Amino acid sequence: MLPEKIRRFIKSLCADTESGLLRWHYDDDASRVELDAESFHIALLYRFDPVEEVGVFRMTYSNKADDRDYFFSTNQNYPDFELVSALYDSAQSSDMELPVQPF
């Protein structure tokens, strides 16, 4: 389960990503999205935990000002999983080019 401060930050990231202000890098082989901003770097990784039989998101927040890394995680058993999943999906599609006319 994520701390409230991190949940608020994720909501902000999601809104900025959805509005097109942020473009993430998506690595499909690693199931990872990354954002390199001026003052921080974020990596969000999805994995399935075969022991617990749940999906898990792990987030690494790297503060560039003091060169410190912070680690957070959530899984399908917690209500904030859906929030992180929404960010992951938005981030994944943020750098995607779609045809103007799909048909």
PDB file of N, CA and C in Angstrom:
ATOM      1  N   MET A   1       0.840  -1.177   0.000  1.00  0.00           N
ATOM      2  CA  MET A   1       0.000   0.000   0.000  1.00  0.00           C
ATOM      3  C   MET A   1       0.883   1.237   0.000  1.00  0.00           C
ATOM      4  N   LEU A   2       0.468   2.236  -0.747  1.00  0.00           N
ATOM      5  CA  LEU A   2       1.274   3.440  -0.912  1.00  0.00           C
ATOM      6  C   LEU A   2       0.925   4.513   0.123  1.00  0.00           C
ATOM      7  N   PRO A   3       1.913   5.298   0.541  1.00  0.00           N
ATOM      8  CA  PRO A   3       1.630   6.441   1.419  1.00  0.00           C
ATOM      9  C   PRO A   3       0.781   7.481   0.681  1.00  0.00           C
ATOM     10  N   GLU A   4      -0.001   8.243   1.410  1.00  0.00           N
ATOM     11  CA  GLU A   4      -0.894   9.250   0.820  1.00  0.00           C
ATOM     12  C   GLU A   4      -0.118  10.246  -0.046  1.00  0.00           C
ATOM     13  N   LYS A   5       1.041  10.664   0.392  1.00  0.00           N
ATOM     14  CA  LYS A   5       1.861  11.612  -0.373  1.00  0.00           C
ATOM     15  C   LYS A   5       2.188  11.055  -1.761  1.00  0.00           C
ATOM     16  N   ILE A   6       2.478   9.780  -1.835  1.00  0.00           N
ATOM     17  CA  ILE A   6       2.809   9.143  -3.105  1.00  0.00           C
ATOM     18  C   ILE A   6       1.560   8.984  -3.965  1.00  0.00           C
ATOM     19  N   ARG A   7       0.431   8.659  -3.358  1.00  0.00           N
ATOM     20  CA  ARG A   7      -0.825   8.558  -4.116  1.00  0.00           C
ATOM     21  C   ARG A   7      -1.179   9.900  -4.768  1.00  0.00           C
ATOM     22  N   ARG A   8      -1.012  10.995  -4.022  1.00  0.00           N
ATOM     23  CA  ARG A   8      -1.295  12.324  -4.587  1.00  0.00           C
ATOM     24  C   ARG A   8      -0.352  12.624  -5.755  1.00  0.00           C
ATOM     25  N   PHE A   9       0.918  12.268  -5.601  1.00  0.00           N
ATOM     26  CA  PHE A   9       1.901  12.485  -6.659  1.00  0.00           C
ATOM     27  C   PHE A   9       1.551  11.669  -7.902  1.00  0.00           C
ATOM     28  N   ILE A  10       1.135  10.435  -7.713  1.00  0.00           N
ATOM     29  CA  ILE A  10       0.753   9.576  -8.833  1.00  0.00           C
ATOM     30  C   ILE A  10      -0.470  10.148  -9.555  1.00  0.00           C
ATOM     31  N   LYS A  11      -1.437  10.665  -8.803  1.00  0.00           N
ATOM     32  CA  LYS A  11      -2.611  11.286  -9.431  1.00  0.00           C
ATOM     33  C   LYS A  11      -2.193  12.473 -10.293  1.00  0.00           C
ATOM     34  N   SER A  12      -1.254  13.267  -9.796  1.00  0.00           N
ATOM     35  CA  SER A  12      -0.749  14.411 -10.548  1.00  0.00           C
ATOM     36  C   SER A  12      -0.016  13.961 -11.812  1.00  0.00           C
ATOM     37  N   LEU A  13       0.820  12.926 -11.676  1.00  0.00           N
ATOM     38  CA  LEU A  13       1.530  12.385 -12.840  1.00  0.00           C
ATOM     39  C   LEU A  13       0.553  11.862 -13.881  1.00  0.00           C
ATOM     40  N   CYS A  14      -0.474  11.201 -13.422  1.00  0.00           N
ATOM     41  CA  CYS A  14      -1.480  10.637 -14.330  1.00  0.00           C
ATOM     42  C   CYS A  14      -2.190  11.762 -15.093  1.00  0.00           C
ATOM     43  N   ALA A  15      -2.591  12.815 -14.385  1.00  0.00           N
ATOM     44  CA  ALA A  15      -3.271  13.941 -15.035  1.00  0.00           C
ATOM     45  C   ALA A  15      -2.363  14.612 -16.062  1.00  0.00           C
ATOM     46  N   ASP A  16      -1.095  14.838 -15.700  1.00  0.00           N
ATOM     47  CA  ASP A  16      -0.152  15.473 -16.623  1.00  0.00           C
ATOM     48  C   ASP A  16       0.168  14.582 -17.818  1.00  0.00           C
ATOM     49  N   THR A  17       0.194  13.279 -17.600  1.00  0.00           N
ATOM     50  CA  THR A  17       0.442  12.347 -18.700  1.00  0.00           C
ATOM     51  C   THR A  17      -0.752  12.311 -19.643  1.00  0.00           C
ATOM     52  N   GLU A  18      -1.948  12.228 -19.082  1.00  0.00           N
ATOM     53  CA  GLU A  18      -3.165  12.199 -19.896  1.00  0.00           C
ATOM     54  C   GLU A  18      -3.341  13.481 -20.701  1.00  0.00           C
ATOM     55  N   SER A  19      -2.896  14.607 -20.153  1.00  0.00           N
ATOM     56  CA  SER A  19      -3.043  15.879 -20.865  1.00  0.00           C
ATOM     57  C   SER A  19      -1.941  16.098 -21.898  1.00  0.00           C
ATOM     58  N   GLY A  20      -0.971  15.192 -21.959  1.00  0.00           N
ATOM     59  CA  GLY A  20       0.089  15.286 -22.954  1.00  0.00           C
ATOM     60  C   GLY A  20       1.311  16.059 -22.504  1.00  0.00           C
ATOM     61  N   LEU A  21       1.351  16.465 -21.250  1.00  0.00           N
ATOM     62  CA  LEU A  21       2.511  17.218 -20.743  1.00  0.00           C
ATOM     63  C   LEU A  21       3.725  16.337 -20.500  1.00  0.00           C
ATOM     64  N   LEU A  22       3.487  15.058 -20.230  1.00  0.00           N
ATOM     65  CA  LEU A  22       4.588  14.139 -19.941  1.00  0.00           C
ATOM     66  C   LEU A  22       4.607  13.012 -20.964  1.00  0.00           C
ATOM     67  N   ARG A  23       5.799  12.685 -21.423  1.00  0.00           N
ATOM     68  CA  ARG A  23       5.985  11.552 -22.330  1.00  0.00           C
ATOM     69  C   ARG A  23       6.958  10.583 -21.683  1.00  0.00           C
ATOM     70  N   TRP A  24       6.511   9.391 -21.505  1.00  0.00           N
ATOM     71  CA  TRP A  24       7.283   8.349 -20.847  1.00  0.00           C
ATOM     72  C   TRP A  24       7.941   7.443 -21.886  1.00  0.00           C
ATOM     73  N   HIS A  25       8.970   6.744 -21.458  1.00  0.00           N
ATOM     74  CA  HIS A  25       9.587   5.707 -22.287  1.00  0.00           C
ATOM     75  C   HIS A  25       9.028   4.363 -21.829  1.00  0.00           C
ATOM     76  N   TYR A  26       8.571   3.555 -22.770  1.00  0.00           N
ATOM     77  CA  TYR A  26       8.003   2.242 -22.458  1.00  0.00           C
ATOM     78  C   TYR A  26       8.924   1.154 -22.978  1.00  0.00           C
ATOM     79  N   ASP A  27       9.288   0.230 -22.108  1.00  0.00           N
ATOM     80  CA  ASP A  27      10.100  -0.937 -22.471  1.00  0.00           C
ATOM     81  C   ASP A  27       9.201  -2.159 -22.337  1.00  0.00           C
ATOM     82  N   ASP A  28       8.687  -2.649 -23.460  1.00  0.00           N
ATOM     83  CA  ASP A  28       7.729  -3.755 -23.420  1.00  0.00           C
ATOM     84  C   ASP A  28       8.361  -5.055 -22.944  1.00  0.00           C
ATOM     85  N   ASP A  29       9.638  -5.277 -23.240  1.00  0.00           N
ATOM     86  CA  ASP A  29      10.299  -6.508 -22.790  1.00  0.00           C
ATOM     87  C   ASP A  29      10.416  -6.569 -21.264  1.00  0.00           C
ATOM     88  N   ALA A  30      10.611  -5.419 -20.634  1.00  0.00           N
ATOM     89  CA  ALA A  30      10.775  -5.373 -19.180  1.00  0.00           C
ATOM     90  C   ALA A  30       9.480  -5.008 -18.453  1.00  0.00           C
ATOM     91  N   SER A  31       8.406  -4.760 -19.181  1.00  0.00           N
ATOM     92  CA  SER A  31       7.138  -4.301 -18.590  1.00  0.00           C
ATOM     93  C   SER A  31       7.386  -3.106 -17.666  1.00  0.00           C
ATOM     94  N   ARG A  32       8.076  -2.104 -18.227  1.00  0.00           N
ATOM     95  CA  ARG A  32       8.512  -0.956 -17.442  1.00  0.00           C
ATOM     96  C   ARG A  32       8.284   0.343 -18.212  1.00  0.00           C
ATOM     97  N   VAL A  33       7.855   1.365 -17.471  1.00  0.00           N
ATOM     98  CA  VAL A  33       7.769   2.716 -18.019  1.00  0.00           C
ATOM     99  C   VAL A  33       8.698   3.600 -17.193  1.00  0.00           C
ATOM    100  N   GLU A  34       9.307   4.583 -17.869  1.00  0.00           N
ATOM    101  CA  GLU A  34      10.234   5.479 -17.179  1.00  0.00           C
ATOM    102  C   GLU A  34       9.994   6.915 -17.617  1.00  0.00           C
ATOM    103  N   LEU A  35      10.156   7.810 -16.662  1.00  0.00           N
ATOM    104  CA  LEU A  35      10.039   9.238 -16.917  1.00  0.00           C
ATOM    105  C   LEU A  35      11.283   9.909 -16.369  1.00  0.00           C
ATOM    106  N   ASP A  36      11.964  10.650 -17.233  1.00  0.00           N
ATOM    107  CA  ASP A  36      13.150  11.381 -16.812  1.00  0.00           C
ATOM    108  C   ASP A  36      12.816  12.870 -16.833  1.00  0.00           C
ATOM    109  N   ALA A  37      12.503  13.409 -15.668  1.00  0.00           N
ATOM    110  CA  ALA A  37      12.169  14.830 -15.542  1.00  0.00           C
ATOM    111  C   ALA A  37      13.407  15.607 -15.087  1.00  0.00           C
ATOM    112  N   GLU A  38      13.270  16.905 -15.010  1.00  0.00           N
ATOM    113  CA  GLU A  38      14.412  17.744 -14.644  1.00  0.00           C
ATOM    114  C   GLU A  38      14.943  17.438 -13.245  1.00  0.00           C
ATOM    115  N   SER A  39      14.051  17.258 -12.281  1.00  0.00           N
ATOM    116  CA  SER A  39      14.501  17.082 -10.900  1.00  0.00           C
ATOM    117  C   SER A  39      14.362  15.657 -10.362  1.00  0.00           C
ATOM    118  N   PHE A  40      13.778  14.765 -11.159  1.00  0.00           N
ATOM    119  CA  PHE A  40      13.586  13.392 -10.686  1.00  0.00           C
ATOM    120  C   PHE A  40      13.509  12.418 -11.852  1.00  0.00           C
ATOM    121  N   HIS A  41      13.626  11.157 -11.518  1.00  0.00           N
ATOM    122  CA  HIS A  41      13.464  10.060 -12.474  1.00  0.00           C
ATOM    123  C   HIS A  41      12.539   9.039 -11.817  1.00  0.00           C
ATOM    124  N   ILE A  42      11.591   8.526 -12.583  1.00  0.00           N
ATOM    125  CA  ILE A  42      10.678   7.499 -12.069  1.00  0.00           C
ATOM    126  C   ILE A  42      10.719   6.290 -12.993  1.00  0.00           C
ATOM    127  N   ALA A  43      10.782   5.123 -12.383  1.00  0.00           N
ATOM    128  CA  ALA A  43      10.631   3.869 -13.110  1.00  0.00           C
ATOM    129  C   ALA A  43       9.483   3.113 -12.461  1.00  0.00           C
ATOM    130  N   LEU A  44       8.556   2.641 -13.271  1.00  0.00           N
ATOM    131  CA  LEU A  44       7.410   1.887 -12.791  1.00  0.00           C
ATOM    132  C   LEU A  44       7.419   0.541 -13.496  1.00  0.00           C
ATOM    133  N   LEU A  45       7.477  -0.520 -12.717  1.00  0.00           N
ATOM    134  CA  LEU A  45       7.649  -1.877 -13.236  1.00  0.00           C
ATOM    135  C   LEU A  45       6.480  -2.745 -12.811  1.00  0.00           C
ATOM    136  N   TYR A  46       5.942  -3.509 -13.757  1.00  0.00           N
ATOM    137  CA  TYR A  46       4.866  -4.459 -13.450  1.00  0.00           C
ATOM    138  C   TYR A  46       5.425  -5.875 -13.458  1.00  0.00           C
ATOM    139  N   ARG A  47       5.007  -6.661 -12.487  1.00  0.00           N
ATOM    140  CA  ARG A  47       5.353  -8.082 -12.421  1.00  0.00           C
ATOM    141  C   ARG A  47       4.166  -8.846 -11.849  1.00  0.00           C
ATOM    142  N   PHE A  48       4.095 -10.126 -12.199  1.00  0.00           N
ATOM    143  CA  PHE A  48       3.122 -11.018 -11.574  1.00  0.00           C
ATOM    144  C   PHE A  48       3.859 -11.839 -10.532  1.00  0.00           C
ATOM    145  N   ASP A  49       3.344 -11.822  -9.315  1.00  0.00           N
ATOM    146  CA  ASP A  49       3.939 -12.589  -8.220  1.00  0.00           C
ATOM    147  C   ASP A  49       3.292 -13.973  -8.209  1.00  0.00           C
ATOM    148  N   PRO A  50       4.025 -15.022  -8.628  1.00  0.00           N
ATOM    149  CA  PRO A  50       3.432 -16.360  -8.711  1.00  0.00           C
ATOM    150  C   PRO A  50       3.150 -16.988  -7.341  1.00  0.00           C
ATOM    151  N   VAL A  51       3.830 -16.524  -6.318  1.00  0.00           N
ATOM    152  CA  VAL A  51       3.606 -17.065  -4.976  1.00  0.00           C
ATOM    153  C   VAL A  51       2.291 -16.537  -4.410  1.00  0.00           C
ATOM    154  N   GLU A  52       2.122 -15.215  -4.461  1.00  0.00           N
ATOM    155  CA  GLU A  52       0.891 -14.588  -3.952  1.00  0.00           C
ATOM    156  C   GLU A  52      -0.241 -14.640  -4.988  1.00  0.00           C
ATOM    157  N   GLU A  53       0.137 -14.909  -6.250  1.00  0.00           N
ATOM    158  CA  GLU A  53      -0.801 -14.946  -7.366  1.00  0.00           C
ATOM    159  C   GLU A  53      -1.530 -13.621  -7.561  1.00  0.00           C
ATOM    160  N   VAL A  54      -0.742 -12.524  -7.552  1.00  0.00           N
ATOM    161  CA  VAL A  54      -1.280 -11.178  -7.768  1.00  0.00           C
ATOM    162  C   VAL A  54      -0.306 -10.376  -8.632  1.00  0.00           C
ATOM    163  N   GLY A  55      -0.843  -9.374  -9.323  1.00  0.00           N
ATOM    164  CA  GLY A  55      -0.003  -8.425 -10.034  1.00  0.00           C
ATOM    165  C   GLY A  55       0.602  -7.450  -9.046  1.00  0.00           C
ATOM    166  N   VAL A  56       1.828  -7.016  -9.329  1.00  0.00           N
ATOM    167  CA  VAL A  56       2.552  -6.108  -8.444  1.00  0.00           C
ATOM    168  C   VAL A  56       3.157  -4.980  -9.270  1.00  0.00           C
ATOM    169  N   PHE A  57       3.013  -3.753  -8.792  1.00  0.00           N
ATOM    170  CA  PHE A  57       3.724  -2.617  -9.356  1.00  0.00           C
ATOM    171  C   PHE A  57       4.793  -2.184  -8.366  1.00  0.00           C
ATOM    172  N   ARG A  58       6.003  -1.960  -8.897  1.00  0.00           N
ATOM    173  CA  ARG A  58       7.100  -1.430  -8.090  1.00  0.00           C
ATOM    174  C   ARG A  58       7.521  -0.108  -8.708  1.00  0.00           C
ATOM    175  N   MET A  59       7.628   0.908  -7.858  1.00  0.00           N
ATOM    176  CA  MET A  59       8.009   2.231  -8.329  1.00  0.00           C
ATOM    177  C   MET A  59       9.310   2.650  -7.666  1.00  0.00           C
ATOM    178  N   THR A  60      10.233   3.156  -8.471  1.00  0.00           N
ATOM    179  CA  THR A  60      11.463   3.746  -7.962  1.00  0.00           C
ATOM    180  C   THR A  60      11.431   5.225  -8.300  1.00  0.00           C
ATOM    181  N   TYR A  61      11.547   6.052  -7.273  1.00  0.00           N
ATOM    182  CA  TYR A  61      11.613   7.497  -7.452  1.00  0.00           C
ATOM    183  C   TYR A  61      13.038   7.917  -7.105  1.00  0.00           C
ATOM    184  N   SER A  62      13.729   8.528  -8.054  1.00  0.00           N
ATOM    185  CA  SER A  62      15.098   8.992  -7.834  1.00  0.00           C
ATOM    186  C   SER A  62      15.106  10.510  -7.837  1.00  0.00           C
ATOM    187  N   ASN A  63      15.501  11.076  -6.709  1.00  0.00           N
ATOM    188  CA  ASN A  63      15.591  12.523  -6.553  1.00  0.00           C
ATOM    189  C   ASN A  63      16.962  12.970  -7.046  1.00  0.00           C
ATOM    190  N   LYS A  64      16.999  13.770  -8.085  1.00  0.00           N
ATOM    191  CA  LYS A  64      18.272  14.179  -8.676  1.00  0.00           C
ATOM    192  C   LYS A  64      19.017  15.200  -7.820  1.00  0.00           C
ATOM    193  N   ALA A  65      18.283  15.960  -6.993  1.00  0.00           N
ATOM    194  CA  ALA A  65      18.916  16.998  -6.178  1.00  0.00           C
ATOM    195  C   ALA A  65      19.842  16.411  -5.119  1.00  0.00           C
ATOM    196  N   ASP A  66      19.397  15.326  -4.486  1.00  0.00           N
ATOM    197  CA  ASP A  66      20.231  14.739  -3.431  1.00  0.00           C
ATOM    198  C   ASP A  66      20.700  13.324  -3.761  1.00  0.00           C
ATOM    199  N   ASP A  67      20.426  12.879  -4.985  1.00  0.00           N
ATOM    200  CA  ASP A  67      20.876  11.569  -5.461  1.00  0.00           C
ATOM    201  C   ASP A  67      20.404  10.421  -4.558  1.00  0.00           C
ATOM    202  N   ARG A  68      19.130  10.502  -4.149  1.00  0.00           N
ATOM    203  CA  ARG A  68      18.549   9.462  -3.303  1.00  0.00           C
ATOM    204  C   ARG A  68      17.448   8.744  -4.058  1.00  0.00           C
ATOM    205  N   ASP A  69      17.341   7.441  -3.804  1.00  0.00           N
ATOM    206  CA  ASP A  69      16.308   6.611  -4.407  1.00  0.00           C
ATOM    207  C   ASP A  69      15.303   6.187  -3.346  1.00  0.00           C
ATOM    208  N   TYR A  70      14.029   6.171  -3.751  1.00  0.00           N
ATOM    209  CA  TYR A  70      12.942   5.756  -2.871  1.00  0.00           C
ATOM    210  C   TYR A  70      12.162   4.665  -3.591  1.00  0.00           C
ATOM    211  N   PHE A  71      11.731   3.651  -2.850  1.00  0.00           N
ATOM    212  CA  PHE A  71      11.071   2.487  -3.447  1.00  0.00           C
ATOM    213  C   PHE A  71       9.689   2.290  -2.830  1.00  0.00           C
ATOM    214  N   PHE A  72       8.698   2.066  -3.689  1.00  0.00           N
ATOM    215  CA  PHE A  72       7.319   1.857  -3.244  1.00  0.00           C
ATOM    216  C   PHE A  72       6.717   0.731  -4.070  1.00  0.00           C
ATOM    217  N   SER A  73       5.754   0.044  -3.487  1.00  0.00           N
ATOM    218  CA  SER A  73       5.086  -1.019  -4.231  1.00  0.00           C
ATOM    219  C   SER A  73       3.649  -1.173  -3.774  1.00  0.00           C
ATOM    220  N   THR A  74       2.869  -1.766  -4.647  1.00  0.00           N
ATOM    221  CA  THR A  74       1.487  -2.112  -4.327  1.00  0.00           C
ATOM    222  C   THR A  74       1.128  -3.346  -5.138  1.00  0.00           C
ATOM    223  N   ASN A  75       0.106  -4.057  -4.696  1.00  0.00           N
ATOM    224  CA  ASN A  75      -0.353  -5.212  -5.455  1.00  0.00           C
ATOM    225  C   ASN A  75      -1.869  -5.210  -5.542  1.00  0.00           C
ATOM    226  N   GLN A  76      -2.408  -6.188  -6.227  1.00  0.00           N
ATOM    227  CA  GLN A  76      -3.848  -6.244  -6.499  1.00  0.00           C
ATOM    228  C   GLN A  76      -4.716  -6.338  -5.250  1.00  0.00           C
ATOM    229  N   ASN A  77      -4.132  -6.623  -4.109  1.00  0.00           N
ATOM    230  CA  ASN A  77      -4.906  -6.709  -2.879  1.00  0.00           C
ATOM    231  C   ASN A  77      -5.185  -5.344  -2.253  1.00  0.00           C
ATOM    232  N   TYR A  78      -4.579  -4.286  -2.786  1.00  0.00           N
ATOM    233  CA  TYR A  78      -4.727  -2.940  -2.221  1.00  0.00           C
ATOM    234  C   TYR A  78      -5.498  -2.043  -3.182  1.00  0.00           C
ATOM    235  N   PRO A  79      -6.295  -1.126  -2.630  1.00  0.00           N
ATOM    236  CA  PRO A  79      -7.111  -0.263  -3.502  1.00  0.00           C
ATOM    237  C   PRO A  79      -6.291   0.683  -4.381  1.00  0.00           C
ATOM    238  N   ASP A  80      -5.060   1.022  -3.984  1.00  0.00           N
ATOM    239  CA  ASP A  80      -4.271   1.944  -4.804  1.00  0.00           C
ATOM    240  C   ASP A  80      -3.650   1.274  -6.032  1.00  0.00           C
ATOM    241  N   PHE A  81      -3.806  -0.035  -6.155  1.00  0.00           N
ATOM    242  CA  PHE A  81      -3.308  -0.749  -7.332  1.00  0.00           C
ATOM    243  C   PHE A  81      -3.924  -0.199  -8.613  1.00  0.00           C
ATOM    244  N   GLU A  82      -5.220   0.091  -8.585  1.00  0.00           N
ATOM    245  CA  GLU A  82      -5.909   0.609  -9.766  1.00  0.00           C
ATOM    246  C   GLU A  82      -5.377   1.978 -10.176  1.00  0.00           C
ATOM    247  N   LEU A  83      -5.028   2.809  -9.199  1.00  0.00           N
ATOM    248  CA  LEU A  83      -4.450   4.120  -9.475  1.00  0.00           C
ATOM    249  C   LEU A  83      -3.107   3.977 -10.193  1.00  0.00           C
ATOM    250  N   VAL A  84      -2.250   3.099  -9.701  1.00  0.00           N
ATOM    251  CA  VAL A  84      -0.943   2.884 -10.313  1.00  0.00           C
ATOM    252  C   VAL A  84      -1.104   2.234 -11.688  1.00  0.00           C
ATOM    253  N   SER A  85      -2.061   1.341 -11.811  1.00  0.00           N
ATOM    254  CA  SER A  85      -2.323   0.706 -13.097  1.00  0.00           C
ATOM    255  C   SER A  85      -2.755   1.744 -14.134  1.00  0.00           C
ATOM    256  N   ALA A  86      -3.575   2.705 -13.721  1.00  0.00           N
ATOM    257  CA  ALA A  86      -4.007   3.771 -14.636  1.00  0.00           C
ATOM    258  C   ALA A  86      -2.810   4.605 -15.081  1.00  0.00           C
ATOM    259  N   LEU A  87      -1.902   4.915 -14.158  1.00  0.00           N
ATOM    260  CA  LEU A  87      -0.695   5.655 -14.532  1.00  0.00           C
ATOM    261  C   LEU A  87       0.150   4.841 -15.496  1.00  0.00           C
ATOM    262  N   TYR A  88       0.326   3.567 -15.211  1.00  0.00           N
ATOM    263  CA  TYR A  88       1.121   2.692 -16.076  1.00  0.00           C
ATOM    264  C   TYR A  88       0.553   2.666 -17.495  1.00  0.00           C
ATOM    265  N   ASP A  89      -0.759   2.508 -17.609  1.00  0.00           N
ATOM    266  CA  ASP A  89      -1.392   2.464 -18.932  1.00  0.00           C
ATOM    267  C   ASP A  89      -1.250   3.796 -19.661  1.00  0.00           C
ATOM    268  N   SER A  90      -1.449   4.904 -18.952  1.00  0.00           N
ATOM    269  CA  SER A  90      -1.291   6.224 -19.562  1.00  0.00           C
ATOM    270  C   SER A  90       0.146   6.457 -19.989  1.00  0.00           C
ATOM    271  N   ALA A  91       1.080   6.094 -19.127  1.00  0.00           N
ATOM    272  CA  ALA A  91       2.498   6.262 -19.433  1.00  0.00           C
ATOM    273  C   ALA A  91       2.892   5.414 -20.638  1.00  0.00           C
ATOM    274  N   GLN A  92       2.403   4.195 -20.673  1.00  0.00           N
ATOM    275  CA  GLN A  92       2.720   3.275 -21.766  1.00  0.00           C
ATOM    276  C   GLN A  92       2.275   3.853 -23.110  1.00  0.00           C
ATOM    277  N   SER A  93       1.133   4.495 -23.122  1.00  0.00           N
ATOM    278  CA  SER A  93       0.604   5.008 -24.385  1.00  0.00           C
ATOM    279  C   SER A  93       1.051   6.439 -24.690  1.00  0.00           C
ATOM    280  N   SER A  94       1.742   7.104 -23.775  1.00  0.00           N
ATOM    281  CA  SER A  94       2.081   8.518 -23.950  1.00  0.00           C
ATOM    282  C   SER A  94       3.027   8.777 -25.114  1.00  0.00           C
ATOM    283  N   ASP A  95       3.850   7.823 -25.449  1.00  0.00           N
ATOM    284  CA  ASP A  95       4.821   8.001 -26.526  1.00  0.00           C
ATOM    285  C   ASP A  95       4.405   7.240 -27.789  1.00  0.00           C
ATOM    286  N   MET A  96       3.187   6.772 -27.796  1.00  0.00           N
ATOM    287  CA  MET A  96       2.682   5.936 -28.886  1.00  0.00           C
ATOM    288  C   MET A  96       2.107   6.806 -30.009  1.00  0.00           C
ATOM    289  N   GLU A  97       2.443   6.473 -31.230  1.00  0.00           N
ATOM    290  CA  GLU A  97       1.898   7.175 -32.398  1.00  0.00           C
ATOM    291  C   GLU A  97       0.777   6.325 -32.989  1.00  0.00           C
ATOM    292  N   LEU A  98      -0.390   6.900 -33.091  1.00  0.00           N
ATOM    293  CA  LEU A  98      -1.546   6.206 -33.660  1.00  0.00           C
ATOM    294  C   LEU A  98      -1.913   6.833 -35.002  1.00  0.00           C
ATOM    295  N   PRO A  99      -2.466   6.045 -35.913  1.00  0.00           N
ATOM    296  CA  PRO A  99      -2.894   6.620 -37.183  1.00  0.00           C
ATOM    297  C   PRO A  99      -4.055   7.577 -36.969  1.00  0.00           C
ATOM    298  N   VAL A 100      -4.112   8.608 -37.791  1.00  0.00           N
ATOM    299  CA  VAL A 100      -5.191   9.582 -37.693  1.00  0.00           C
ATOM    300  C   VAL A 100      -6.523   8.927 -38.038  1.00  0.00           C
ATOM    301  N   GLN A 101      -6.514   8.118 -39.068  1.00  0.00           N
ATOM    302  CA  GLN A 101      -7.711   7.396 -39.491  1.00  0.00           C
ATOM    303  C   GLN A 101      -7.464   5.909 -39.271  1.00  0.00           C
ATOM    304  N   PRO A 102      -8.074   5.305 -38.239  1.00  0.00           N
ATOM    305  CA  PRO A 102      -7.798   3.907 -37.945  1.00  0.00           C
ATOM    306  C   PRO A 102      -8.270   2.923 -39.022  1.00  0.00           C
ATOM    307  N   PHE A 103      -9.177   3.345 -39.914  1.00  0.00           N
ATOM    308  CA  PHE A 103      -9.670   2.415 -40.936  1.00  0.00           C
ATOM    309  C   PHE A 103      -9.439   2.965 -42.312  1.00  0.00           C
TER     310      PHE A 103
END
